C-alpha cells in the first residue's frame, strides 16, 4: 500500500478530485508485485 502510493501520487500537485486520486492508487496497488522497483521520483533524504 505504501509503495503503491509512492508510485501513484504526484505529491502536492493539484488533484482533479479525491476520487481520481483514490482510483489511481487502487489501480497502482493491483499492479504491485514483488518485482516492482522503486520509482526514480521517490527516495530518501539524509540530514546531518
ModelCIF file with pLDDT and N, C-alpha, C, O atoms, coordinates in Angstrom:
data_MODEL
#
_entry.id   MODEL 
#
_entity.id                         1 
_entity.type                       polymer 
_entity.pdbx_number_of_molecules   1 
#
_entity_poly.entity_id                      1 
_entity_poly.type                           'polypeptide(L)' 
_entity_poly.nstd_linkage                   no 
_entity_poly.nstd_monomer                   no 
_entity_poly.pdbx_seq_one_letter_code       
;(UNK)(UNK)(UNK)(UNK)(UNK)(UNK)(UNK)(UNK)(UNK)(UNK)(UNK)(UNK)(UNK)(UNK)(UNK)(UNK)
(UNK)(UNK)(UNK)(UNK)(UNK)(UNK)(UNK)(UNK)(UNK)(UNK)(UNK)(UNK)(UNK)(UNK)(UNK)(UNK)
(UNK)(UNK)(UNK)(UNK)(UNK)(UNK)(UNK)(UNK)(UNK)(UNK)(UNK)(UNK)(UNK)(UNK)(UNK)(UNK)
;
_entity_poly.pdbx_seq_one_letter_code_can   XXXXXXXXXXXXXXXXXXXXXXXXXXXXXXXXXXXXXXXXXXXXXXXX 
_entity_poly.pdbx_strand_id                 A 
#
loop_
_entity_poly_seq.entity_id 
_entity_poly_seq.num 
_entity_poly_seq.mon_id 
_entity_poly_seq.hetero 
1 1  UNK n 
1 2  UNK n 
1 3  UNK n 
1 4  UNK n 
1 5  UNK n 
1 6  UNK n 
1 7  UNK n 
1 8  UNK n 
1 9  UNK n 
1 10 UNK n 
1 11 UNK n 
1 12 UNK n 
1 13 UNK n 
1 14 UNK n 
1 15 UNK n 
1 16 UNK n 
1 17 UNK n 
1 18 UNK n 
1 19 UNK n 
1 20 UNK n 
1 21 UNK n 
1 22 UNK n 
1 23 UNK n 
1 24 UNK n 
1 25 UNK n 
1 26 UNK n 
1 27 UNK n 
1 28 UNK n 
1 29 UNK n 
1 30 UNK n 
1 31 UNK n 
1 32 UNK n 
1 33 UNK n 
1 34 UNK n 
1 35 UNK n 
1 36 UNK n 
1 37 UNK n 
1 38 UNK n 
1 39 UNK n 
1 40 UNK n 
1 41 UNK n 
1 42 UNK n 
1 43 UNK n 
1 44 UNK n 
1 45 UNK n 
1 46 UNK n 
1 47 UNK n 
1 48 UNK n 
#
_struct_asym.id          A 
_struct_asym.entity_id   1 
#
loop_
_ma_qa_metric.id 
_ma_qa_metric.mode 
_ma_qa_metric.name 
_ma_qa_metric.software_group_id 
_ma_qa_metric.type 
1 global pLDDT . pLDDT 
2 local  pLDDT . pLDDT 
#
_ma_qa_metric_global.metric_id      1 
_ma_qa_metric_global.metric_value   92.88 
_ma_qa_metric_global.model_id       1 
_ma_qa_metric_global.ordinal_id     1 
#
loop_
_ma_qa_metric_local.label_asym_id 
_ma_qa_metric_local.label_comp_id 
_ma_qa_metric_local.label_seq_id 
_ma_qa_metric_local.metric_id 
_ma_qa_metric_local.metric_value 
_ma_qa_metric_local.model_id 
_ma_qa_metric_local.ordinal_id 
A UNK 1  2 95.00 1 1  
A UNK 2  2 95.00 1 2  
A UNK 3  2 95.00 1 3  
A UNK 4  2 94.00 1 4  
A UNK 5  2 94.00 1 5  
A UNK 6  2 94.00 1 6  
A UNK 7  2 94.00 1 7  
A UNK 8  2 93.00 1 8  
A UNK 9  2 89.00 1 9  
A UNK 10 2 85.00 1 10 
A UNK 11 2 84.00 1 11 
A UNK 12 2 84.00 1 12 
A UNK 13 2 86.00 1 13 
A UNK 14 2 89.00 1 14 
A UNK 15 2 88.00 1 15 
A UNK 16 2 89.00 1 16 
A UNK 17 2 93.00 1 17 
A UNK 18 2 95.00 1 18 
A UNK 19 2 93.00 1 19 
A UNK 20 2 92.00 1 20 
A UNK 21 2 93.00 1 21 
A UNK 22 2 93.00 1 22 
A UNK 23 2 93.00 1 23 
A UNK 24 2 92.00 1 24 
A UNK 25 2 93.00 1 25 
A UNK 26 2 95.00 1 26 
A UNK 27 2 94.00 1 27 
A UNK 28 2 94.00 1 28 
A UNK 29 2 94.00 1 29 
A UNK 30 2 94.00 1 30 
A UNK 31 2 93.00 1 31 
A UNK 32 2 92.00 1 32 
A UNK 33 2 90.00 1 33 
A UNK 34 2 87.00 1 34 
A UNK 35 2 89.00 1 35 
A UNK 36 2 95.00 1 36 
A UNK 37 2 94.00 1 37 
A UNK 38 2 96.00 1 38 
A UNK 39 2 94.00 1 39 
A UNK 40 2 94.00 1 40 
A UNK 41 2 95.00 1 41 
A UNK 42 2 96.00 1 42 
A UNK 43 2 97.00 1 43 
A UNK 44 2 98.00 1 44 
A UNK 45 2 98.00 1 45 
A UNK 46 2 98.00 1 46 
A UNK 47 2 98.00 1 47 
A UNK 48 2 98.00 1 48 
#
loop_
_atom_site.group_PDB 
_atom_site.id 
_atom_site.type_symbol 
_atom_site.label_atom_id 
_atom_site.label_alt_id 
_atom_site.label_comp_id 
_atom_site.label_asym_id 
_atom_site.label_entity_id 
_atom_site.label_seq_id 
_atom_site.pdbx_PDB_ins_code 
_atom_site.Cartn_x 
_atom_site.Cartn_y 
_atom_site.Cartn_z 
_atom_site.occupancy 
_atom_site.B_iso_or_equiv 
_atom_site.pdbx_formal_charge 
_atom_site.auth_seq_id 
_atom_site.auth_comp_id 
_atom_site.auth_asym_id 
_atom_site.auth_atom_id 
_atom_site.pdbx_PDB_model_num 
ATOM 1   N N  . UNK A 1 1  ? 0.821   -1.209 0.000   1.00 95.00 ? 1  UNK A N  1 
ATOM 2   C CA . UNK A 1 1  ? 0.000   0.000  0.000   1.00 95.00 ? 1  UNK A CA 1 
ATOM 3   C C  . UNK A 1 1  ? 0.858   1.265  0.000   1.00 95.00 ? 1  UNK A C  1 
ATOM 4   O O  . UNK A 1 1  ? 0.597   2.208  -0.747  1.00 95.00 ? 1  UNK A O  1 
ATOM 5   N N  . UNK A 1 2  ? 1.879   1.267  0.844   1.00 95.00 ? 2  UNK A N  1 
ATOM 6   C CA . UNK A 1 2  ? 2.755   2.439  0.895   1.00 95.00 ? 2  UNK A CA 1 
ATOM 7   C C  . UNK A 1 2  ? 3.490   2.634  -0.425  1.00 95.00 ? 2  UNK A C  1 
ATOM 8   O O  . UNK A 1 2  ? 3.636   3.759  -0.903  1.00 95.00 ? 2  UNK A O  1 
ATOM 9   N N  . UNK A 1 3  ? 3.948   1.541  -1.008  1.00 95.00 ? 3  UNK A N  1 
ATOM 10  C CA . UNK A 1 3  ? 4.667   1.647  -2.273  1.00 95.00 ? 3  UNK A CA 1 
ATOM 11  C C  . UNK A 1 3  ? 3.745   2.056  -3.415  1.00 95.00 ? 3  UNK A C  1 
ATOM 12  O O  . UNK A 1 3  ? 4.150   2.791  -4.316  1.00 95.00 ? 3  UNK A O  1 
ATOM 13  N N  . UNK A 1 4  ? 2.523   1.583  -3.374  1.00 94.00 ? 4  UNK A N  1 
ATOM 14  C CA . UNK A 1 4  ? 1.558   1.985  -4.403  1.00 94.00 ? 4  UNK A CA 1 
ATOM 15  C C  . UNK A 1 4  ? 1.327   3.485  -4.355  1.00 94.00 ? 4  UNK A C  1 
ATOM 16  O O  . UNK A 1 4  ? 1.211   4.142  -5.390  1.00 94.00 ? 4  UNK A O  1 
ATOM 17  N N  . UNK A 1 5  ? 1.260   4.023  -3.134  1.00 94.00 ? 5  UNK A N  1 
ATOM 18  C CA . UNK A 1 5  ? 1.049   5.470  -3.006  1.00 94.00 ? 5  UNK A CA 1 
ATOM 19  C C  . UNK A 1 5  ? 2.275   6.245  -3.492  1.00 94.00 ? 5  UNK A C  1 
ATOM 20  O O  . UNK A 1 5  ? 2.133   7.279  -4.145  1.00 94.00 ? 5  UNK A O  1 
ATOM 21  N N  . UNK A 1 6  ? 3.474   5.755  -3.179  1.00 94.00 ? 6  UNK A N  1 
ATOM 22  C CA . UNK A 1 6  ? 4.683   6.463  -3.613  1.00 94.00 ? 6  UNK A CA 1 
ATOM 23  C C  . UNK A 1 6  ? 4.798   6.477  -5.135  1.00 94.00 ? 6  UNK A C  1 
ATOM 24  O O  . UNK A 1 6  ? 5.396   7.389  -5.707  1.00 94.00 ? 6  UNK A O  1 
ATOM 25  N N  . UNK A 1 7  ? 4.228   5.471  -5.786  1.00 94.00 ? 7  UNK A N  1 
ATOM 26  C CA . UNK A 1 7  ? 4.249   5.408  -7.248  1.00 94.00 ? 7  UNK A CA 1 
ATOM 27  C C  . UNK A 1 7  ? 3.124   6.245  -7.855  1.00 94.00 ? 7  UNK A C  1 
ATOM 28  O O  . UNK A 1 7  ? 3.331   6.955  -8.839  1.00 94.00 ? 7  UNK A O  1 
ATOM 29  N N  . UNK A 1 8  ? 1.937   6.156  -7.262  1.00 93.00 ? 8  UNK A N  1 
ATOM 30  C CA . UNK A 1 8  ? 0.759   6.779  -7.881  1.00 93.00 ? 8  UNK A CA 1 
ATOM 31  C C  . UNK A 1 8  ? 0.617   8.266  -7.596  1.00 93.00 ? 8  UNK A C  1 
ATOM 32  O O  . UNK A 1 8  ? 0.021   8.994  -8.391  1.00 93.00 ? 8  UNK A O  1 
ATOM 33  N N  . UNK A 1 9  ? 1.161   8.730  -6.461  1.00 89.00 ? 9  UNK A N  1 
ATOM 34  C CA . UNK A 1 9  ? 0.947   10.122 -6.068  1.00 89.00 ? 9  UNK A CA 1 
ATOM 35  C C  . UNK A 1 9  ? 1.944   11.079 -6.712  1.00 89.00 ? 9  UNK A C  1 
ATOM 36  O O  . UNK A 1 9  ? 3.152   10.842 -6.699  1.00 89.00 ? 9  UNK A O  1 
ATOM 37  N N  . UNK A 1 10 ? 1.423   12.150 -7.268  1.00 85.00 ? 10 UNK A N  1 
ATOM 38  C CA . UNK A 1 10 ? 2.257   13.263 -7.734  1.00 85.00 ? 10 UNK A CA 1 
ATOM 39  C C  . UNK A 1 10 ? 2.177   14.323 -6.635  1.00 85.00 ? 10 UNK A C  1 
ATOM 40  O O  . UNK A 1 10 ? 1.444   15.306 -6.741  1.00 85.00 ? 10 UNK A O  1 
ATOM 41  N N  . UNK A 1 11 ? 2.943   14.092 -5.596  1.00 84.00 ? 11 UNK A N  1 
ATOM 42  C CA . UNK A 1 11 ? 2.795   14.816 -4.330  1.00 84.00 ? 11 UNK A CA 1 
ATOM 43  C C  . UNK A 1 11 ? 2.727   16.328 -4.495  1.00 84.00 ? 11 UNK A C  1 
ATOM 44  O O  . UNK A 1 11 ? 3.582   16.950 -5.126  1.00 84.00 ? 11 UNK A O  1 
ATOM 45  N N  . UNK A 1 12 ? 1.676   16.898 -3.904  1.00 84.00 ? 12 UNK A N  1 
ATOM 46  C CA . UNK A 1 12 ? 1.439   18.348 -3.835  1.00 84.00 ? 12 UNK A CA 1 
ATOM 47  C C  . UNK A 1 12 ? 0.954   18.963 -5.148  1.00 84.00 ? 12 UNK A C  1 
ATOM 48  O O  . UNK A 1 12 ? 0.709   20.167 -5.205  1.00 84.00 ? 12 UNK A O  1 
ATOM 49  N N  . UNK A 1 13 ? 0.813   18.161 -6.198  1.00 86.00 ? 13 UNK A N  1 
ATOM 50  C CA . UNK A 1 13 ? 0.230   18.678 -7.437  1.00 86.00 ? 13 UNK A CA 1 
ATOM 51  C C  . UNK A 1 13 ? -1.277  18.814 -7.246  1.00 86.00 ? 13 UNK A C  1 
ATOM 52  O O  . UNK A 1 13 ? -1.860  18.120 -6.413  1.00 86.00 ? 13 UNK A O  1 
ATOM 53  N N  . UNK A 1 14 ? -1.907  19.693 -8.002  1.00 89.00 ? 14 UNK A N  1 
ATOM 54  C CA . UNK A 1 14 ? -3.349  19.886 -7.895  1.00 89.00 ? 14 UNK A CA 1 
ATOM 55  C C  . UNK A 1 14 ? -4.072  18.609 -8.330  1.00 89.00 ? 14 UNK A C  1 
ATOM 56  O O  . UNK A 1 14 ? -3.777  18.041 -9.382  1.00 89.00 ? 14 UNK A O  1 
ATOM 57  N N  . UNK A 1 15 ? -5.023  18.171 -7.501  1.00 88.00 ? 15 UNK A N  1 
ATOM 58  C CA . UNK A 1 15 ? -5.778  16.945 -7.780  1.00 88.00 ? 15 UNK A CA 1 
ATOM 59  C C  . UNK A 1 15 ? -7.103  17.285 -8.458  1.00 88.00 ? 15 UNK A C  1 
ATOM 60  O O  . UNK A 1 15 ? -7.782  18.244 -8.090  1.00 88.00 ? 15 UNK A O  1 
ATOM 61  N N  . UNK A 1 16 ? -7.453  16.477 -9.455  1.00 89.00 ? 16 UNK A N  1 
ATOM 62  C CA . UNK A 1 16 ? -8.737  16.654 -10.143 1.00 89.00 ? 16 UNK A CA 1 
ATOM 63  C C  . UNK A 1 16 ? -9.882  16.441 -9.156  1.00 89.00 ? 16 UNK A C  1 
ATOM 64  O O  . UNK A 1 16 ? -10.853 17.197 -9.133  1.00 89.00 ? 16 UNK A O  1 
ATOM 65  N N  . UNK A 1 17 ? -9.745  15.396 -8.345  1.00 93.00 ? 17 UNK A N  1 
ATOM 66  C CA . UNK A 1 17 ? -10.708 15.083 -7.294  1.00 93.00 ? 17 UNK A CA 1 
ATOM 67  C C  . UNK A 1 17 ? -10.095 14.011 -6.408  1.00 93.00 ? 17 UNK A C  1 
ATOM 68  O O  . UNK A 1 17 ? -9.131  13.347 -6.789  1.00 93.00 ? 17 UNK A O  1 
ATOM 69  N N  . UNK A 1 18 ? -10.671 13.850 -5.215  1.00 95.00 ? 18 UNK A N  1 
ATOM 70  C CA . UNK A 1 18 ? -10.159 12.796 -4.331  1.00 95.00 ? 18 UNK A CA 1 
ATOM 71  C C  . UNK A 1 18 ? -10.460 11.422 -4.927  1.00 95.00 ? 18 UNK A C  1 
ATOM 72  O O  . UNK A 1 18 ? -9.668  10.490 -4.786  1.00 95.00 ? 18 UNK A O  1 
ATOM 73  N N  . UNK A 1 19 ? -11.607 11.304 -5.590  1.00 93.00 ? 19 UNK A N  1 
ATOM 74  C CA . UNK A 1 19 ? -11.958 10.029 -6.223  1.00 93.00 ? 19 UNK A CA 1 
ATOM 75  C C  . UNK A 1 19 ? -10.922 9.636  -7.269  1.00 93.00 ? 19 UNK A C  1 
ATOM 76  O O  . UNK A 1 19 ? -10.578 8.461  -7.395  1.00 93.00 ? 19 UNK A O  1 
ATOM 77  N N  . UNK A 1 20 ? -10.426 10.616 -8.018  1.00 92.00 ? 20 UNK A N  1 
ATOM 78  C CA . UNK A 1 20 ? -9.414  10.339 -9.045  1.00 92.00 ? 20 UNK A CA 1 
ATOM 79  C C  . UNK A 1 20 ? -8.102  9.885  -8.397  1.00 92.00 ? 20 UNK A C  1 
ATOM 80  O O  . UNK A 1 20 ? -7.429  8.983  -8.895  1.00 92.00 ? 20 UNK A O  1 
ATOM 81  N N  . UNK A 1 21 ? -7.755  10.524 -7.283  1.00 93.00 ? 21 UNK A N  1 
ATOM 82  C CA . UNK A 1 21 ? -6.545  10.134 -6.554  1.00 93.00 ? 21 UNK A CA 1 
ATOM 83  C C  . UNK A 1 21 ? -6.672  8.695  -6.067  1.00 93.00 ? 21 UNK A C  1 
ATOM 84  O O  . UNK A 1 21 ? -5.752  7.891  -6.219  1.00 93.00 ? 21 UNK A O  1 
ATOM 85  N N  . UNK A 1 22 ? -7.835  8.381  -5.475  1.00 93.00 ? 22 UNK A N  1 
ATOM 86  C CA . UNK A 1 22 ? -8.068  7.036  -4.952  1.00 93.00 ? 22 UNK A CA 1 
ATOM 87  C C  . UNK A 1 22 ? -8.083  5.991  -6.065  1.00 93.00 ? 22 UNK A C  1 
ATOM 88  O O  . UNK A 1 22 ? -7.546  4.896  -5.898  1.00 93.00 ? 22 UNK A O  1 
ATOM 89  N N  . UNK A 1 23 ? -8.687  6.322  -7.182  1.00 93.00 ? 23 UNK A N  1 
ATOM 90  C CA . UNK A 1 23 ? -8.755  5.390  -8.309  1.00 93.00 ? 23 UNK A CA 1 
ATOM 91  C C  . UNK A 1 23 ? -7.365  5.072  -8.833  1.00 93.00 ? 23 UNK A C  1 
ATOM 92  O O  . UNK A 1 23 ? -7.059  3.918  -9.133  1.00 93.00 ? 23 UNK A O  1 
ATOM 93  N N  . UNK A 1 24 ? -6.520  6.096  -8.945  1.00 92.00 ? 24 UNK A N  1 
ATOM 94  C CA . UNK A 1 24 ? -5.154  5.890  -9.423  1.00 92.00 ? 24 UNK A CA 1 
ATOM 95  C C  . UNK A 1 24 ? -4.359  5.023  -8.432  1.00 92.00 ? 24 UNK A C  1 
ATOM 96  O O  . UNK A 1 24 ? -3.581  4.155  -8.828  1.00 92.00 ? 24 UNK A O  1 
ATOM 97  N N  . UNK A 1 25 ? -4.577  5.281  -7.140  1.00 93.00 ? 25 UNK A N  1 
ATOM 98  C CA . UNK A 1 25 ? -3.909  4.488  -6.106  1.00 93.00 ? 25 UNK A CA 1 
ATOM 99  C C  . UNK A 1 25 ? -4.315  3.017  -6.192  1.00 93.00 ? 25 UNK A C  1 
ATOM 100 O O  . UNK A 1 25 ? -3.458  2.133  -6.190  1.00 93.00 ? 25 UNK A O  1 
ATOM 101 N N  . UNK A 1 26 ? -5.615  2.755  -6.267  1.00 95.00 ? 26 UNK A N  1 
ATOM 102 C CA . UNK A 1 26 ? -6.110  1.371  -6.298  1.00 95.00 ? 26 UNK A CA 1 
ATOM 103 C C  . UNK A 1 26 ? -5.647  0.641  -7.556  1.00 95.00 ? 26 UNK A C  1 
ATOM 104 O O  . UNK A 1 26 ? -5.332  -0.548 -7.510  1.00 95.00 ? 26 UNK A O  1 
ATOM 105 N N  . UNK A 1 27 ? -5.608  1.349  -8.663  1.00 94.00 ? 27 UNK A N  1 
ATOM 106 C CA . UNK A 1 27 ? -5.126  0.753  -9.906  1.00 94.00 ? 27 UNK A CA 1 
ATOM 107 C C  . UNK A 1 27 ? -3.657  0.379  -9.787  1.00 94.00 ? 27 UNK A C  1 
ATOM 108 O O  . UNK A 1 27 ? -3.240  -0.691 -10.231 1.00 94.00 ? 27 UNK A O  1 
ATOM 109 N N  . UNK A 1 28 ? -2.878  1.270  -9.184  1.00 94.00 ? 28 UNK A N  1 
ATOM 110 C CA . UNK A 1 28 ? -1.450  1.001  -8.984  1.00 94.00 ? 28 UNK A CA 1 
ATOM 111 C C  . UNK A 1 28 ? -1.260  -0.159 -8.012  1.00 94.00 ? 28 UNK A C  1 
ATOM 112 O O  . UNK A 1 28 ? -0.396  -1.012 -8.218  1.00 94.00 ? 28 UNK A O  1 
ATOM 113 N N  . UNK A 1 29 ? -2.065  -0.191 -6.954  1.00 94.00 ? 29 UNK A N  1 
ATOM 114 C CA . UNK A 1 29 ? -1.967  -1.250 -5.954  1.00 94.00 ? 29 UNK A CA 1 
ATOM 115 C C  . UNK A 1 29 ? -2.150  -2.627 -6.586  1.00 94.00 ? 29 UNK A C  1 
ATOM 116 O O  . UNK A 1 29 ? -1.451  -3.574 -6.229  1.00 94.00 ? 29 UNK A O  1 
ATOM 117 N N  . UNK A 1 30 ? -3.084  -2.737 -7.516  1.00 94.00 ? 30 UNK A N  1 
ATOM 118 C CA . UNK A 1 30 ? -3.338  -4.016 -8.186  1.00 94.00 ? 30 UNK A CA 1 
ATOM 119 C C  . UNK A 1 30 ? -2.141  -4.484 -9.015  1.00 94.00 ? 30 UNK A C  1 
ATOM 120 O O  . UNK A 1 30 ? -1.951  -5.682 -9.229  1.00 94.00 ? 30 UNK A O  1 
ATOM 121 N N  . UNK A 1 31 ? -1.341  -3.525 -9.476  1.00 93.00 ? 31 UNK A N  1 
ATOM 122 C CA . UNK A 1 31 ? -0.218  -3.869 -10.350 1.00 93.00 ? 31 UNK A CA 1 
ATOM 123 C C  . UNK A 1 31 ? 1.071   -4.165 -9.586  1.00 93.00 ? 31 UNK A C  1 
ATOM 124 O O  . UNK A 1 31 ? 2.050   -4.618 -10.180 1.00 93.00 ? 31 UNK A O  1 
ATOM 125 N N  . UNK A 1 32 ? 1.081   -3.912 -8.267  1.00 92.00 ? 32 UNK A N  1 
ATOM 126 C CA . UNK A 1 32 ? 2.282   -4.110 -7.455  1.00 92.00 ? 32 UNK A CA 1 
ATOM 127 C C  . UNK A 1 32 ? 2.609   -5.600 -7.322  1.00 92.00 ? 32 UNK A C  1 
ATOM 128 O O  . UNK A 1 32 ? 1.738   -6.410 -7.005  1.00 92.00 ? 32 UNK A O  1 
ATOM 129 N N  . UNK A 1 33 ? 3.872   -5.950 -7.569  1.00 90.00 ? 33 UNK A N  1 
ATOM 130 C CA . UNK A 1 33 ? 4.346   -7.317 -7.367  1.00 90.00 ? 33 UNK A CA 1 
ATOM 131 C C  . UNK A 1 33 ? 5.669   -7.265 -6.596  1.00 90.00 ? 33 UNK A C  1 
ATOM 132 O O  . UNK A 1 33 ? 6.181   -6.188 -6.289  1.00 90.00 ? 33 UNK A O  1 
ATOM 133 N N  . UNK A 1 34 ? 6.202   -8.429 -6.295  1.00 87.00 ? 34 UNK A N  1 
ATOM 134 C CA . UNK A 1 34 ? 7.495   -8.480 -5.601  1.00 87.00 ? 34 UNK A CA 1 
ATOM 135 C C  . UNK A 1 34 ? 8.620   -7.961 -6.485  1.00 87.00 ? 34 UNK A C  1 
ATOM 136 O O  . UNK A 1 34 ? 9.710   -7.668 -5.993  1.00 87.00 ? 34 UNK A O  1 
ATOM 137 N N  . UNK A 1 35 ? 8.369   -7.844 -7.775  1.00 89.00 ? 35 UNK A N  1 
ATOM 138 C CA . UNK A 1 35 ? 9.384   -7.358 -8.706  1.00 89.00 ? 35 UNK A CA 1 
ATOM 139 C C  . UNK A 1 35 ? 9.271   -5.857 -8.961  1.00 89.00 ? 35 UNK A C  1 
ATOM 140 O O  . UNK A 1 35 ? 10.082  -5.291 -9.694  1.00 89.00 ? 35 UNK A O  1 
ATOM 141 N N  . UNK A 1 36 ? 8.270   -5.211 -8.362  1.00 95.00 ? 36 UNK A N  1 
ATOM 142 C CA . UNK A 1 36 ? 8.091   -3.777 -8.549  1.00 95.00 ? 36 UNK A CA 1 
ATOM 143 C C  . UNK A 1 36 ? 9.281   -3.027 -7.955  1.00 95.00 ? 36 UNK A C  1 
ATOM 144 O O  . UNK A 1 36 ? 9.663   -3.268 -6.809  1.00 95.00 ? 36 UNK A O  1 
ATOM 145 N N  . UNK A 1 37 ? 9.856   -2.131 -8.724  1.00 94.00 ? 37 UNK A N  1 
ATOM 146 C CA . UNK A 1 37 ? 11.029  -1.393 -8.267  1.00 94.00 ? 37 UNK A CA 1 
ATOM 147 C C  . UNK A 1 37 ? 10.662  0.033  -7.849  1.00 94.00 ? 37 UNK A C  1 
ATOM 148 O O  . UNK A 1 37 ? 9.627   0.568  -8.246  1.00 94.00 ? 37 UNK A O  1 
ATOM 149 N N  . UNK A 1 38 ? 11.509  0.612  -7.061  1.00 96.00 ? 38 UNK A N  1 
ATOM 150 C CA . UNK A 1 38 ? 11.316  1.983  -6.578  1.00 96.00 ? 38 UNK A CA 1 
ATOM 151 C C  . UNK A 1 38 ? 11.307  2.968  -7.745  1.00 96.00 ? 38 UNK A C  1 
ATOM 152 O O  . UNK A 1 38 ? 12.181  2.913  -8.610  1.00 96.00 ? 38 UNK A O  1 
ATOM 153 N N  . UNK A 1 39 ? 10.320  3.872  -7.774  1.00 94.00 ? 39 UNK A N  1 
ATOM 154 C CA . UNK A 1 39 ? 10.324  4.896  -8.825  1.00 94.00 ? 39 UNK A CA 1 
ATOM 155 C C  . UNK A 1 39 ? 11.434  5.917  -8.599  1.00 94.00 ? 39 UNK A C  1 
ATOM 156 O O  . UNK A 1 39 ? 11.788  6.205  -7.456  1.00 94.00 ? 39 UNK A O  1 
ATOM 157 N N  . UNK A 1 40 ? 11.976  6.457  -9.665  1.00 94.00 ? 40 UNK A N  1 
ATOM 158 C CA . UNK A 1 40 ? 13.034  7.468  -9.541  1.00 94.00 ? 40 UNK A CA 1 
ATOM 159 C C  . UNK A 1 40 ? 12.549  8.719  -8.817  1.00 94.00 ? 40 UNK A C  1 
ATOM 160 O O  . UNK A 1 40 ? 13.348  9.491  -8.288  1.00 94.00 ? 40 UNK A O  1 
ATOM 161 N N  . UNK A 1 41 ? 11.241  8.908  -8.801  1.00 95.00 ? 41 UNK A N  1 
ATOM 162 C CA . UNK A 1 41 ? 10.664  10.119 -8.203  1.00 95.00 ? 41 UNK A CA 1 
ATOM 163 C C  . UNK A 1 41 ? 10.520  10.044 -6.687  1.00 95.00 ? 41 UNK A C  1 
ATOM 164 O O  . UNK A 1 41 ? 10.009  10.977 -6.068  1.00 95.00 ? 41 UNK A O  1 
ATOM 165 N N  . UNK A 1 42 ? 10.965  8.942  -6.086  1.00 96.00 ? 42 UNK A N  1 
ATOM 166 C CA . UNK A 1 42 ? 10.773  8.768  -4.649  1.00 96.00 ? 42 UNK A CA 1 
ATOM 167 C C  . UNK A 1 42 ? 12.025  8.166  -4.021  1.00 96.00 ? 42 UNK A C  1 
ATOM 168 O O  . UNK A 1 42 ? 12.654  7.279  -4.598  1.00 96.00 ? 42 UNK A O  1 
ATOM 169 N N  . UNK A 1 43 ? 12.384  8.660  -2.824  1.00 97.00 ? 43 UNK A N  1 
ATOM 170 C CA . UNK A 1 43 ? 13.560  8.096  -2.156  1.00 97.00 ? 43 UNK A CA 1 
ATOM 171 C C  . UNK A 1 43 ? 13.868  8.821  -0.861  1.00 97.00 ? 43 UNK A C  1 
ATOM 172 O O  . UNK A 1 43 ? 13.055  9.588  -0.344  1.00 97.00 ? 43 UNK A O  1 
ATOM 173 N N  . UNK A 1 44 ? 15.048  8.564  -0.356  1.00 98.00 ? 44 UNK A N  1 
ATOM 174 C CA . UNK A 1 44 ? 15.415  9.066  0.951   1.00 98.00 ? 44 UNK A CA 1 
ATOM 175 C C  . UNK A 1 44 ? 16.157  10.384 0.941   1.00 98.00 ? 44 UNK A C  1 
ATOM 176 O O  . UNK A 1 44 ? 16.811  10.754 -0.034  1.00 98.00 ? 44 UNK A O  1 
ATOM 177 N N  . UNK A 1 45 ? 16.034  11.080 2.060   1.00 98.00 ? 45 UNK A N  1 
ATOM 178 C CA . UNK A 1 45 ? 16.835  12.273 2.338   1.00 98.00 ? 45 UNK A CA 1 
ATOM 179 C C  . UNK A 1 45 ? 17.570  12.060 3.650   1.00 98.00 ? 45 UNK A C  1 
ATOM 180 O O  . UNK A 1 45 ? 17.001  11.554 4.617   1.00 98.00 ? 45 UNK A O  1 
ATOM 181 N N  . UNK A 1 46 ? 18.830  12.446 3.675   1.00 98.00 ? 46 UNK A N  1 
ATOM 182 C CA . UNK A 1 46 ? 19.640  12.429 4.890   1.00 98.00 ? 46 UNK A CA 1 
ATOM 183 C C  . UNK A 1 46 ? 19.923  13.862 5.304   1.00 98.00 ? 46 UNK A C  1 
ATOM 184 O O  . UNK A 1 46 ? 20.259  14.705 4.472   1.00 98.00 ? 46 UNK A O  1 
ATOM 185 N N  . UNK A 1 47 ? 19.786  14.133 6.592   1.00 98.00 ? 47 UNK A N  1 
ATOM 186 C CA . UNK A 1 47 ? 20.285  15.420 7.062   1.00 98.00 ? 47 UNK A CA 1 
ATOM 187 C C  . UNK A 1 47 ? 21.306  15.171 8.168   1.00 98.00 ? 47 UNK A C  1 
ATOM 188 O O  . UNK A 1 47 ? 21.144  14.274 8.996   1.00 98.00 ? 47 UNK A O  1 
ATOM 189 N N  . UNK A 1 48 ? 22.353  15.978 8.164   1.00 98.00 ? 48 UNK A N  1 
ATOM 190 C CA . UNK A 1 48 ? 23.450  15.853 9.114   1.00 98.00 ? 48 UNK A CA 1 
ATOM 191 C C  . UNK A 1 48 ? 23.466  17.100 9.993   1.00 98.00 ? 48 UNK A C  1 
ATOM 192 O O  . UNK A 1 48 ? 24.314  17.221 10.877  1.00 98.00 ? 48 UNK A O  1 
#
